N, C-alpha and C. Protein backbone atom coordinates (compact mmCIF):
# COMPACT_ATOMS: atom_id res chain seq x y z
N MET A 1 -63.63 -97.71 82.13
CA MET A 1 -63.48 -97.16 81.34
C MET A 1 -62.44 -95.86 82.16
N ASN A 2 -62.61 -95.54 82.66
CA ASN A 2 -61.31 -94.33 83.58
C ASN A 2 -60.76 -94.79 83.93
N ALA A 3 -60.13 -95.83 84.56
CA ALA A 3 -59.44 -97.27 85.03
C ALA A 3 -58.28 -97.13 83.55
N ARG A 4 -59.12 -97.60 82.33
CA ARG A 4 -58.23 -97.81 81.08
C ARG A 4 -57.54 -96.44 81.07
N LEU A 5 -57.48 -95.50 80.94
CA LEU A 5 -57.36 -93.59 80.53
C LEU A 5 -56.56 -93.96 82.09
N ASN A 6 -55.99 -93.95 83.31
CA ASN A 6 -54.83 -94.21 84.34
C ASN A 6 -54.39 -95.03 83.97
N ALA A 7 -53.97 -96.63 83.15
CA ALA A 7 -53.20 -97.06 83.70
C ALA A 7 -51.95 -96.31 84.21
N TRP A 8 -51.03 -97.90 84.30
CA TRP A 8 -49.96 -96.96 85.27
C TRP A 8 -49.13 -96.46 84.43
N TYR A 9 -48.57 -96.91 82.83
CA TYR A 9 -48.40 -96.52 82.38
C TYR A 9 -48.32 -95.05 81.77
N ARG A 10 -49.39 -94.21 81.53
CA ARG A 10 -49.22 -93.45 81.72
C ARG A 10 -49.27 -92.02 82.20
N VAL A 11 -48.76 -92.43 83.58
CA VAL A 11 -48.85 -91.64 85.07
C VAL A 11 -47.43 -91.84 84.57
N PRO A 12 -47.25 -89.71 84.91
CA PRO A 12 -45.30 -89.60 85.01
C PRO A 12 -44.86 -90.08 86.06
N GLU A 13 -45.29 -89.98 86.82
CA GLU A 13 -44.33 -90.47 88.56
C GLU A 13 -44.07 -91.71 88.22
N MET A 14 -45.25 -92.81 87.83
CA MET A 14 -44.66 -94.08 88.01
C MET A 14 -43.12 -94.08 86.72
N TRP A 15 -42.65 -93.26 85.68
CA TRP A 15 -41.43 -93.05 85.00
C TRP A 15 -40.57 -92.82 85.54
N LEU A 16 -40.61 -92.09 87.22
CA LEU A 16 -39.82 -91.27 87.83
C LEU A 16 -39.65 -92.69 88.32
N VAL A 17 -39.97 -93.40 89.43
CA VAL A 17 -40.10 -94.16 90.42
C VAL A 17 -39.27 -95.25 89.54
N LEU A 18 -40.07 -95.99 88.21
CA LEU A 18 -38.69 -96.68 87.58
C LEU A 18 -37.73 -96.42 87.81
N ALA A 19 -37.70 -95.14 86.56
CA ALA A 19 -35.82 -94.52 86.95
C ALA A 19 -35.53 -94.78 88.07
N LEU A 20 -35.90 -94.16 89.45
CA LEU A 20 -34.73 -94.08 90.11
C LEU A 20 -34.59 -95.69 91.29
N LEU A 21 -35.87 -97.00 90.95
CA LEU A 21 -35.16 -97.45 91.52
C LEU A 21 -34.71 -98.16 90.06
N GLY A 22 -34.30 -98.04 89.12
CA GLY A 22 -33.66 -98.78 87.93
C GLY A 22 -32.14 -98.11 88.74
N GLY A 23 -32.00 -97.27 88.57
CA GLY A 23 -31.04 -96.35 89.22
C GLY A 23 -30.00 -97.05 90.39
N MET A 24 -31.38 -97.13 90.42
CA MET A 24 -30.58 -97.95 92.58
C MET A 24 -29.91 -99.12 92.51
N VAL A 25 -30.27 -99.87 91.77
CA VAL A 25 -29.51 -101.81 91.70
C VAL A 25 -28.45 -101.04 90.26
N ILE A 26 -27.81 -100.29 89.43
CA ILE A 26 -27.31 -100.34 88.88
C ILE A 26 -26.32 -99.75 89.63
N GLY A 27 -26.25 -98.33 90.41
CA GLY A 27 -26.20 -97.69 91.71
C GLY A 27 -25.13 -98.66 92.44
N SER A 28 -26.04 -99.99 92.46
CA SER A 28 -25.66 -101.28 93.92
C SER A 28 -24.85 -101.49 92.98
N LEU A 29 -24.80 -101.98 92.52
CA LEU A 29 -24.06 -103.18 91.05
C LEU A 29 -22.74 -102.76 91.07
N ALA A 30 -22.56 -101.35 90.37
CA ALA A 30 -21.81 -101.17 90.60
C ALA A 30 -19.98 -100.36 91.60
N LEU A 31 -21.48 -100.83 92.51
CA LEU A 31 -20.44 -99.91 94.36
C LEU A 31 -20.24 -101.48 94.06
N VAL A 32 -20.74 -102.87 93.80
CA VAL A 32 -20.07 -103.92 94.82
C VAL A 32 -19.61 -104.55 93.38
N VAL A 33 -19.53 -104.07 92.24
CA VAL A 33 -18.15 -104.56 91.78
C VAL A 33 -17.00 -103.61 91.87
N THR A 34 -16.94 -102.29 92.40
CA THR A 34 -16.07 -101.92 93.03
C THR A 34 -14.92 -102.02 93.62
N ALA A 35 -15.69 -102.32 95.00
CA ALA A 35 -15.56 -103.23 96.18
C ALA A 35 -15.08 -104.49 95.64
N TYR A 36 -15.86 -105.15 94.67
CA TYR A 36 -14.71 -106.68 94.56
C TYR A 36 -13.69 -106.06 93.85
N ARG A 37 -13.26 -105.45 92.90
CA ARG A 37 -11.98 -105.10 91.72
C ARG A 37 -10.89 -104.25 92.96
N HIS A 38 -11.46 -103.93 94.10
CA HIS A 38 -10.22 -102.95 94.54
C HIS A 38 -10.36 -103.44 96.29
N THR A 39 -9.45 -104.96 96.35
CA THR A 39 -9.95 -105.45 97.70
C THR A 39 -8.93 -104.29 98.36
N ASP A 40 -8.32 -104.56 99.66
CA ASP A 40 -7.67 -104.08 100.75
C ASP A 40 -6.95 -104.55 101.34
N GLU A 41 -5.79 -103.46 101.14
CA GLU A 41 -4.56 -104.29 101.06
C GLU A 41 -4.09 -104.55 102.68
N LEU A 42 -3.79 -105.65 103.41
CA LEU A 42 -3.55 -105.12 105.01
C LEU A 42 -1.91 -105.05 105.08
N PRO A 43 -1.71 -104.45 105.79
CA PRO A 43 -1.19 -103.44 106.37
C PRO A 43 0.17 -104.58 107.33
N THR A 44 1.68 -103.45 107.07
CA THR A 44 2.71 -105.16 107.95
C THR A 44 3.40 -104.17 108.29
N THR A 45 3.64 -104.73 109.60
CA THR A 45 4.44 -103.97 110.04
C THR A 45 6.03 -104.49 110.31
N PRO A 46 6.97 -103.82 109.85
CA PRO A 46 8.55 -105.28 110.31
C PRO A 46 8.70 -104.88 111.39
N GLN A 47 8.81 -104.69 113.02
CA GLN A 47 8.40 -105.01 113.91
C GLN A 47 6.95 -105.55 115.18
N ALA A 48 7.24 -105.47 116.17
CA ALA A 48 5.87 -105.77 116.54
C ALA A 48 4.91 -104.89 117.23
N ILE A 49 4.33 -104.15 117.02
CA ILE A 49 3.15 -103.42 117.15
C ILE A 49 3.93 -103.30 119.19
N ALA A 50 3.26 -102.36 120.19
CA ALA A 50 2.81 -102.94 121.18
C ALA A 50 1.95 -103.04 121.34
N SER A 51 0.63 -104.04 122.32
CA SER A 51 0.07 -103.85 122.70
C SER A 51 -0.31 -104.11 123.96
N PRO A 52 -2.40 -103.03 124.26
CA PRO A 52 -2.68 -103.46 125.28
C PRO A 52 -1.96 -105.15 126.42
N LEU A 53 -2.23 -106.62 125.50
CA LEU A 53 -2.92 -107.69 126.15
C LEU A 53 -1.69 -107.91 126.58
N PRO A 54 -2.18 -109.26 127.22
CA PRO A 54 -0.08 -110.01 127.07
C PRO A 54 0.08 -110.95 126.25
N PRO A 55 1.35 -111.76 126.18
CA PRO A 55 1.36 -111.60 124.77
C PRO A 55 1.29 -113.59 125.47
N SER A 56 0.69 -114.25 124.10
CA SER A 56 0.21 -115.47 124.39
C SER A 56 1.27 -116.47 124.98
N ALA A 57 2.23 -116.15 124.22
CA ALA A 57 3.62 -117.28 124.52
C ALA A 57 3.89 -116.74 125.75
N PRO A 58 4.66 -117.09 126.88
CA PRO A 58 6.41 -116.53 127.41
C PRO A 58 7.08 -115.68 126.27
N THR A 59 8.03 -115.13 127.03
CA THR A 59 8.88 -114.61 125.49
C THR A 59 9.70 -115.66 126.38
N ARG A 60 11.51 -115.29 125.79
CA ARG A 60 12.24 -116.03 125.91
C ARG A 60 12.80 -114.76 126.51
N PRO A 61 14.17 -114.54 127.95
CA PRO A 61 15.27 -114.04 127.47
C PRO A 61 16.31 -113.98 126.49
N ALA A 62 17.22 -112.67 125.98
CA ALA A 62 17.57 -112.31 124.27
C ALA A 62 18.52 -113.95 125.14
N ASP A 63 19.19 -113.62 126.50
CA ASP A 63 21.13 -114.42 126.77
C ASP A 63 19.84 -115.15 127.89
N GLU A 64 21.66 -116.16 128.00
CA GLU A 64 21.86 -117.18 129.52
C GLU A 64 21.92 -116.05 130.36
N ALA A 65 22.48 -115.13 130.69
CA ALA A 65 22.58 -114.06 131.78
C ALA A 65 21.30 -113.59 132.09
N THR A 66 20.51 -113.42 131.05
CA THR A 66 19.14 -112.34 131.53
C THR A 66 17.91 -113.25 132.52
N PRO A 67 17.69 -112.36 133.50
CA PRO A 67 17.10 -112.93 134.35
C PRO A 67 15.52 -113.42 133.57
């Protein structure tokens, strides 16, 4: 009989736990939707940027007179 009086839905802390879990699920889904809608724009550079890595292909001189 005591177990019937202390059913899970009669304990206030369980409603708090359910509310917090529901809030986390809703917040996670909202974060996923927001991230999906706002994609990152890829930055473009008008010129080649300096890189510490060697070029993947050898560069040709600007003209025939350049050694």
